C-alpha atoms as a PDB file:
ATOM      1  CA  MET A   1      53.257 -51.961  47.740  1.00  0.00           C
ATOM      2  CA  CYS A   2      53.833 -51.420  51.447  1.00  0.00           C
ATOM      3  CA  ALA A   3      53.278 -48.333  53.554  1.00  0.00           C
ATOM      4  CA  ARG A   4      53.230 -47.780  57.262  1.00  0.00           C
ATOM      5  CA  LYS A   5      51.980 -44.909  59.366  1.00  0.00           C
ATOM      6  CA  SER A   6      53.313 -44.489  62.844  1.00  0.00           C
ATOM      7  CA  GLY A   7      51.364 -46.723  65.216  1.00  0.00           C
ATOM      8  CA  ALA A   8      49.282 -48.266  62.415  1.00  0.00           C
ATOM      9  CA  PRO A   9      49.331 -51.808  61.013  1.00  0.00           C
ATOM     10  CA  ALA A  10      51.495 -52.281  57.945  1.00  0.00           C
ATOM     11  CA  VAL A  11      49.400 -52.296  54.781  1.00  0.00           C
ATOM     12  CA  ARG A  12      50.153 -54.014  51.518  1.00  0.00           C
ATOM     13  CA  GLU A  13      47.921 -52.952  48.660  1.00  0.00           C
ATOM     14  CA  LYS A  14      47.090 -55.126  45.675  1.00  0.00           C
ATOM     15  CA  LEU A  15      45.226 -53.966  42.594  1.00  0.00           C
ATOM     16  CA  PRO A  16      43.718 -56.301  39.997  1.00  0.00           C
ATOM     17  CA  LYS A  17      45.861 -56.862  36.956  1.00  0.00           C
ATOM     18  CA  PRO A  18      44.324 -55.857  33.613  1.00  0.00           C
ATOM     19  CA  GLY A  19      41.473 -58.281  33.033  1.00  0.00           C
ATOM     20  CA  GLY A  20      41.584 -59.391  36.684  1.00  0.00           C
ATOM     21  CA  TRP A  21      43.138 -62.530  38.124  1.00  0.00           C
ATOM     22  CA  ASP A  22      42.124 -65.971  36.959  1.00  0.00           C
ATOM     23  CA  MET A  23      39.407 -66.032  39.641  1.00  0.00           C
ATOM     24  CA  GLN A  24      37.320 -63.100  38.372  1.00  0.00           C
ATOM     25  CA  THR A  25      38.174 -60.790  41.237  1.00  0.00           C
ATOM     26  CA  ALA A  26      38.081 -57.090  40.470  1.00  0.00           C
ATOM     27  CA  MET A  27      38.473 -56.007  44.076  1.00  0.00           C
ATOM     28  CA  LYS A  28      41.154 -53.733  45.370  1.00  0.00           C
ATOM     29  CA  MET A  29      42.836 -55.513  48.261  1.00  0.00           C
ATOM     30  CA  LYS A  30      44.525 -54.076  51.349  1.00  0.00           C
ATOM     31  CA  LEU A  31      46.484 -56.411  53.592  1.00  0.00           C
ATOM     32  CA  TYR A  32      47.199 -55.403  57.195  1.00  0.00           C
ATOM     33  CA  GLN A  33      49.180 -57.124  59.923  1.00  0.00           C
ATOM     34  CA  ASN A  34      47.372 -58.198  63.118  1.00  0.00           C
ATOM     35  CA  ASP A  35      44.641 -55.523  63.132  1.00  0.00           C
ATOM     36  CA  LEU A  36      42.627 -53.045  61.093  1.00  0.00           C
ATOM     37  CA  PRO A  37      44.000 -49.493  60.962  1.00  0.00           C
ATOM     38  CA  ASP A  38      42.663 -46.822  63.297  1.00  0.00           C
ATOM     39  CA  GLY A  39      39.625 -44.929  62.019  1.00  0.00           C
ATOM     40  CA  LEU A  40      38.610 -47.389  59.297  1.00  0.00           C
ATOM     41  CA  ASP A  41      34.813 -47.370  58.861  1.00  0.00           C
ATOM     42  CA  LEU A  42      33.455 -50.178  56.675  1.00  0.00           C
ATOM     43  CA  GLY A  43      29.829 -49.088  56.989  1.00  0.00           C
ATOM     44  CA  PRO A  44      26.698 -50.627  58.512  1.00  0.00           C
ATOM     45  CA  MET A  45      26.979 -54.028  56.786  1.00  0.00           C
ATOM     46  CA  VAL A  46      30.299 -55.830  56.433  1.00  0.00           C
ATOM     47  CA  ALA A  47      30.918 -59.074  54.548  1.00  0.00           C
ATOM     48  CA  ILE A  48      33.425 -61.188  56.491  1.00  0.00           C
ATOM     49  CA  ASP A  49      35.228 -64.497  56.056  1.00  0.00           C
ATOM     50  CA  THR A  50      38.208 -66.211  57.651  1.00  0.00           C
ATOM     51  CA  GLU A  51      41.064 -68.419  56.507  1.00  0.00           C
ATOM     52  CA  THR A  52      42.459 -70.849  59.048  1.00  0.00           C
ATOM     53  CA  LEU A  53      45.127 -73.495  59.448  1.00  0.00           C
ATOM     54  CA  GLY A  54      42.429 -76.191  59.417  1.00  0.00           C
ATOM     55  CA  LEU A  55      38.777 -76.793  60.190  1.00  0.00           C
ATOM     56  CA  ASN A  56      38.959 -77.392  63.947  1.00  0.00           C
ATOM     57  CA  PRO A  57      38.413 -74.047  65.735  1.00  0.00           C
ATOM     58  CA  VAL A  58      40.008 -75.313  68.938  1.00  0.00           C
ATOM     59  CA  ARG A  59      43.120 -76.793  67.323  1.00  0.00           C
ATOM     60  CA  ASP A  60      43.625 -74.730  64.161  1.00  0.00           C
ATOM     61  CA  ARG A  61      44.521 -71.094  64.492  1.00  0.00           C
ATOM     62  CA  LEU A  62      42.999 -68.077  62.788  1.00  0.00           C
ATOM     63  CA  CYS A  63      45.352 -66.906  60.017  1.00  0.00           C
ATOM     64  CA  LEU A  64      43.433 -64.305  58.011  1.00  0.00           C
ATOM     65  CA  ALA A  65      40.231 -62.314  58.318  1.00  0.00           C
ATOM     66  CA  GLN A  66      38.956 -60.619  55.179  1.00  0.00           C
ATOM     67  CA  MET A  67      36.108 -58.139  54.981  1.00  0.00           C
ATOM     68  CA  SER A  68      34.395 -55.687  52.669  1.00  0.00           C
ATOM     69  CA  GLY A  69      31.810 -52.969  53.045  1.00  0.00           C
ATOM     70  CA  GLY A  70      30.481 -53.788  49.582  1.00  0.00           C
ATOM     71  CA  ASP A  71      32.449 -51.014  47.875  1.00  0.00           C
ATOM     72  CA  GLY A  72      34.811 -53.168  45.850  1.00  0.00           C
ATOM     73  CA  VAL A  73      37.612 -53.027  48.420  1.00  0.00           C
ATOM     74  CA  CYS A  74      38.684 -56.047  50.476  1.00  0.00           C
ATOM     75  CA  HIS A  75      40.459 -55.345  53.753  1.00  0.00           C
ATOM     76  CA  MET A  76      42.456 -58.300  55.082  1.00  0.00           C
ATOM     77  CA  VAL A  77      44.041 -58.808  58.481  1.00  0.00           C
ATOM     78  CA  GLN A  78      46.832 -61.377  58.556  1.00  0.00           C
ATOM     79  CA  PHE A  79      47.603 -62.735  62.026  1.00  0.00           C
ATOM     80  CA  ALA A  80      50.975 -63.900  63.216  1.00  0.00           C
ATOM     81  CA  ALA A  81      50.812 -66.747  65.712  1.00  0.00           C
ATOM     82  CA  ASP A  82      49.666 -65.473  69.127  1.00  0.00           C
ATOM     83  CA  GLN A  83      49.133 -61.922  67.837  1.00  0.00           C
ATOM     84  CA  TYR A  84      45.412 -61.570  68.453  1.00  0.00           C
ATOM     85  CA  ALA A  85      45.023 -58.305  70.365  1.00  0.00           C
ATOM     86  CA  ALA A  86      43.348 -56.626  67.323  1.00  0.00           C
ATOM     87  CA  PRO A  87      41.361 -53.950  69.227  1.00  0.00           C
ATOM     88  CA  ASN A  88      40.007 -52.268  66.082  1.00  0.00           C
ATOM     89  CA  LEU A  89      38.786 -55.513  64.517  1.00  0.00           C
ATOM     90  CA  LYS A  90      37.244 -56.640  67.800  1.00  0.00           C
ATOM     91  CA  LYS A  91      35.402 -53.335  68.143  1.00  0.00           C
ATOM     92  CA  MET A  92      33.833 -53.730  64.709  1.00  0.00           C
ATOM     93  CA  LEU A  93      32.899 -57.389  65.272  1.00  0.00           C
ATOM     94  CA  ALA A  94      31.112 -56.546  68.522  1.00  0.00           C
ATOM     95  CA  ASP A  95      29.467 -53.335  67.273  1.00  0.00           C
ATOM     96  CA  PRO A  96      25.661 -53.788  67.535  1.00  0.00           C
ATOM     97  CA  LYS A  97      25.169 -51.224  64.752  1.00  0.00           C
ATOM     98  CA  VAL A  98      27.198 -53.228  62.209  1.00  0.00           C
ATOM     99  CA  LEU A  99      25.615 -56.279  60.585  1.00  0.00           C
ATOM    100  CA  LYS A 100      28.242 -58.955  59.988  1.00  0.00           C
ATOM    101  CA  LEU A 101      27.534 -60.890  56.806  1.00  0.00           C
ATOM    102  CA  PHE A 102      28.953 -64.420  56.436  1.00  0.00           C
ATOM    103  CA  HIS A 103      28.669 -67.592  54.440  1.00  0.00           C
ATOM    104  CA  TYR A 104      28.647 -70.423  57.020  1.00  0.00           C
ATOM    105  CA  ALA A 105      28.741 -67.996  59.923  1.00  0.00           C
ATOM    106  CA  ARG A 106      28.807 -70.806  62.494  1.00  0.00           C
ATOM    107  CA  PHE A 107      32.466 -71.570  61.786  1.00  0.00           C
ATOM    108  CA  ASP A 108      33.716 -67.983  61.505  1.00  0.00           C
ATOM    109  CA  ILE A 109      31.908 -66.874  64.662  1.00  0.00           C
ATOM    110  CA  ALA A 110      33.492 -69.784  66.547  1.00  0.00           C
ATOM    111  CA  MET A 111      36.940 -68.815  65.230  1.00  0.00           C
ATOM    112  CA  PHE A 112      36.516 -65.210  66.348  1.00  0.00           C
ATOM    113  CA  ARG A 113      35.274 -66.297  69.758  1.00  0.00           C
ATOM    114  CA  LYS A 114      38.123 -68.767  70.266  1.00  0.00           C
ATOM    115  CA  TRP A 115      41.035 -66.690  68.926  1.00  0.00           C
ATOM    116  CA  LEU A 116      39.925 -63.095  69.470  1.00  0.00           C
ATOM    117  CA  GLY A 117      37.701 -63.657  72.491  1.00  0.00           C
ATOM    118  CA  VAL A 118      34.878 -61.624  70.966  1.00  0.00           C
ATOM    119  CA  ASP A 119      31.173 -62.296  70.554  1.00  0.00           C
ATOM    120  CA  CYS A 120      30.308 -61.478  66.962  1.00  0.00           C
ATOM    121  CA  LYS A 121      26.806 -60.052  66.537  1.00  0.00           C
ATOM    122  CA  PRO A 122      24.463 -59.183  64.895  1.00  0.00           C
ATOM    123  CA  VAL A 123      25.060 -61.612  62.047  1.00  0.00           C
ATOM    124  CA  TYR A 124      23.563 -62.853  58.784  1.00  0.00           C
ATOM    125  CA  CYS A 125      24.446 -66.176  57.153  1.00  0.00           C
ATOM    126  CA  THR A 126      23.869 -66.742  53.436  1.00  0.00           C
ATOM    127  CA  LYS A 127      24.237 -70.515  53.879  1.00  0.00           C
ATOM    128  CA  ILE A 128      21.377 -70.671  56.380  1.00  0.00           C
ATOM    129  CA  ALA A 129      19.250 -68.364  54.245  1.00  0.00           C
ATOM    130  CA  SER A 130      19.908 -70.620  51.260  1.00  0.00           C
ATOM    131  CA  LYS A 131      18.895 -73.747  53.164  1.00  0.00           C
ATOM    132  CA  LEU A 132      15.628 -72.093  54.181  1.00  0.00           C
ATOM    133  CA  VAL A 133      14.571 -71.076  50.661  1.00  0.00           C
ATOM    134  CA  ARG A 134      16.517 -73.164  48.134  1.00  0.00           C
ATOM    135  CA  THR A 135      14.852 -76.366  49.258  1.00  0.00           C
ATOM    136  CA  TYR A 136      14.904 -77.643  45.673  1.00  0.00           C
ATOM    137  CA  THR A 137      18.627 -78.457  46.032  1.00  0.00           C
ATOM    138  CA  ASP A 138      21.135 -79.746  48.551  1.00  0.00           C
ATOM    139  CA  ARG A 139      23.919 -77.579  47.115  1.00  0.00           C
ATOM    140  CA  HIS A 140      24.382 -74.594  49.404  1.00  0.00           C
ATOM    141  CA  GLY A 141      28.090 -73.849  49.045  1.00  0.00           C
ATOM    142  CA  LEU A 142      29.229 -70.337  48.200  1.00  0.00           C
ATOM    143  CA  LYS A 143      30.290 -71.410  44.725  1.00  0.00           C
ATOM    144  CA  ASP A 144      26.832 -72.877  44.050  1.00  0.00           C
ATOM    145  CA  LEU A 145      25.014 -69.795  45.339  1.00  0.00           C
ATOM    146  CA  VAL A 146      27.114 -67.344  43.362  1.00  0.00           C
ATOM    147  CA  ARG A 147      26.725 -69.405  40.189  1.00  0.00           C
ATOM    148  CA  GLU A 148      22.945 -69.724  40.415  1.00  0.00           C
ATOM    149  CA  LEU A 149      21.910 -66.374  41.845  1.00  0.00           C
ATOM    150  CA  LEU A 150      24.567 -64.073  40.371  1.00  0.00           C
ATOM    151  CA  GLY A 151      25.810 -65.929  37.301  1.00  0.00           C
ATOM    152  CA  VAL A 152      29.433 -65.825  38.474  1.00  0.00           C
ATOM    153  CA  GLU A 153      31.816 -68.792  38.483  1.00  0.00           C
ATOM    154  CA  LEU A 154      34.214 -68.945  41.444  1.00  0.00           C
ATOM    155  CA  ASN A 155      37.522 -70.777  41.416  1.00  0.00           C
ATOM    156  CA  LYS A 156      38.133 -72.528  44.745  1.00  0.00           C
ATOM    157  CA  GLU A 157      41.574 -74.013  44.043  1.00  0.00           C
ATOM    158  CA  GLN A 158      43.234 -72.160  46.948  1.00  0.00           C
ATOM    159  CA  GLN A 159      40.723 -73.476  49.495  1.00  0.00           C
ATOM    160  CA  SER A 160      43.230 -76.043  50.743  1.00  0.00           C
ATOM    161  CA  SER A 161      46.505 -74.154  51.015  1.00  0.00           C
ATOM    162  CA  ASP A 162      48.879 -73.004  53.745  1.00  0.00           C
ATOM    163  CA  TRP A 163      47.190 -69.948  55.209  1.00  0.00           C
ATOM    164  CA  GLY A 164      49.717 -69.837  58.039  1.00  0.00           C
ATOM    165  CA  ALA A 165      52.525 -68.880  55.668  1.00  0.00           C
ATOM    166  CA  ALA A 166      54.243 -65.567  56.383  1.00  0.00           C
ATOM    167  CA  ASP A 167      53.886 -64.475  52.755  1.00  0.00           C
ATOM    168  CA  LEU A 168      50.560 -65.184  51.086  1.00  0.00           C
ATOM    169  CA  SER A 169      50.502 -65.510  47.309  1.00  0.00           C
ATOM    170  CA  GLU A 170      48.483 -63.317  44.952  1.00  0.00           C
ATOM    171  CA  LYS A 171      46.258 -66.309  44.204  1.00  0.00           C
ATOM    172  CA  GLN A 172      45.583 -66.830  47.908  1.00  0.00           C
ATOM    173  CA  LEU A 173      44.714 -63.169  48.405  1.00  0.00           C
ATOM    174  CA  ALA A 174      42.459 -63.158  45.338  1.00  0.00           C
ATOM    175  CA  TYR A 175      40.719 -66.301  46.600  1.00  0.00           C
ATOM    176  CA  ALA A 176      40.179 -64.704  50.009  1.00  0.00           C
ATOM    177  CA  ALA A 177      38.779 -61.539  48.430  1.00  0.00           C
ATOM    178  CA  ASN A 178      36.345 -63.548  46.322  1.00  0.00           C
ATOM    179  CA  ASP A 179      34.883 -65.103  49.460  1.00  0.00           C
ATOM    180  CA  VAL A 180      33.486 -61.705  50.499  1.00  0.00           C
ATOM    181  CA  ALA A 181      33.077 -60.029  47.108  1.00  0.00           C
ATOM    182  CA  HIS A 182      29.542 -61.288  46.446  1.00  0.00           C
ATOM    183  CA  LEU A 183      27.941 -61.578  49.888  1.00  0.00           C
ATOM    184  CA  HIS A 184      26.089 -58.256  49.755  1.00  0.00           C
ATOM    185  CA  GLN A 185      24.479 -59.200  46.431  1.00  0.00           C
ATOM    186  CA  LEU A 186      23.653 -62.677  47.704  1.00  0.00           C
ATOM    187  CA  LYS A 187      21.925 -61.209  50.752  1.00  0.00           C
ATOM    188  CA  THR A 188      19.740 -59.045  48.523  1.00  0.00           C
ATOM    189  CA  ALA A 189      18.723 -62.033  46.406  1.00  0.00           C
ATOM    190  CA  LEU A 190      18.143 -64.337  49.375  1.00  0.00           C
ATOM    191  CA  ASP A 191      16.182 -61.710  51.324  1.00  0.00           C
ATOM    192  CA  ALA A 192      13.767 -61.449  48.412  1.00  0.00           C
ATOM    193  CA  MET A 193      13.324 -65.234  48.371  1.00  0.00           C
ATOM    194  CA  LEU A 194      12.850 -65.395  52.141  1.00  0.00           C
ATOM    195  CA  ALA A 195      10.182 -62.677  51.988  1.00  0.00           C
ATOM    196  CA  ARG A 196       8.433 -64.379  49.064  1.00  0.00           C
ATOM    197  CA  GLU A 197       8.185 -67.664  51.002  1.00  0.00           C
ATOM    198  CA  GLY A 198       7.278 -66.050  54.336  1.00  0.00           C
ATOM    199  CA  ARG A 199      10.420 -67.311  56.061  1.00  0.00           C
ATOM    200  CA  THR A 200      12.217 -64.097  56.988  1.00  0.00           C
ATOM    201  CA  HIS A 201      11.333 -64.492  60.661  1.00  0.00           C
ATOM    202  CA  LEU A 202      12.689 -68.044  60.714  1.00  0.00           C
ATOM    203  CA  ALA A 203      15.946 -66.891  59.167  1.00  0.00           C
ATOM    204  CA  GLN A 204      16.315 -64.090  61.716  1.00  0.00           C
ATOM    205  CA  ALA A 205      15.723 -66.499  64.603  1.00  0.00           C
ATOM    206  CA  CYS A 206      18.450 -68.768  63.218  1.00  0.00           C
ATOM    207  CA  PHE A 207      20.866 -65.867  62.810  1.00  0.00           C
ATOM    208  CA  ASP A 208      20.226 -64.734  66.389  1.00  0.00           C
ATOM    209  CA  PHE A 209      21.033 -68.243  67.676  1.00  0.00           C
ATOM    210  CA  LEU A 210      24.332 -68.555  65.801  1.00  0.00           C
ATOM    211  CA  PRO A 211      26.591 -67.099  68.534  1.00  0.00           C
ATOM    212  CA  THR A 212      25.169 -69.661  70.954  1.00  0.00           C
ATOM    213  CA  ARG A 213      25.596 -72.430  68.370  1.00  0.00           C
ATOM    214  CA  ALA A 214      29.250 -71.433  68.004  1.00  0.00           C
ATOM    215  CA  GLU A 215      29.703 -71.448  71.782  1.00  0.00           C
ATOM    216  CA  LEU A 216      28.243 -74.973  71.911  1.00  0.00           C
ATOM    217  CA  ASP A 217      30.675 -76.067  69.190  1.00  0.00           C
ATOM    218  CA  LEU A 218      33.630 -74.798  71.186  1.00  0.00           C
ATOM    219  CA  ALA A 219      32.294 -76.415  74.365  1.00  0.00           C
ATOM    220  CA  GLY A 220      32.227 -79.876  72.777  1.00  0.00           C
ATOM    221  CA  TRP A 221      28.722 -80.197  71.330  1.00  0.00           C
ATOM    222  CA  ASP A 222      29.833 -79.672  67.723  1.00  0.00           C
ATOM    223  CA  GLU A 223      28.727 -83.147  66.593  1.00  0.00           C
ATOM    224  CA  THR A 224      25.672 -83.430  68.855  1.00  0.00           C
ATOM    225  CA  ASP A 225      22.133 -82.313  68.007  1.00  0.00           C
ATOM    226  CA  ILE A 226      20.959 -81.169  71.425  1.00  0.00           C
ATOM    227  CA  PHE A 227      17.398 -80.881  70.099  1.00  0.00           C
ATOM    228  CA  ALA A 228      17.200 -84.539  69.118  1.00  0.00           C
ATOM    229  CA  HIS A 229      15.293 -87.035  71.274  1.00  0.00           C
END
């Protein structure tokens, strides 16, 4: 379903089919073109992810940004090539009063810096938190975290698909929504583990450094450990 208000991004709404899609998403999804609508308030903590043409932030463009305030609604911004003005999205990403919640924040922050020209902070990364407390495993992907900590099985079959397409499929949109659907719950679980092990301060220091880490990636130090001898 499409609707447009004067001066606002077009929005296409998708509701879960009875029983949900085959990827266990029960989120309501709203798809906008090139920016968030005026006046949208997602709250003080927003789960965010991106879908891109590839995995090189310099070469591969930003195609989709999906986000949720933890209320069961996923708001998605689809970008046409070279349409990155997005003043409303940029304002939220740079808002110091809004915590941006990611899984593998390093990549998404670099994408936002490269394609939107915005410094994204403050941030929280569930992948870093996992690596600091789940030292009994080397499996820190989103699918692994959601399975172990929340008992939910994610389907990642749309991970490698054409996100630059003008029309995204229902399966692609459901996949994108799933990438932010569980981040609030994961943060709660990981925060408890960090506190239990006395590592909350280490996690916060890592989160604070992430914008600089992303800047280093874009400047050419993506494969270099600058702290090594």
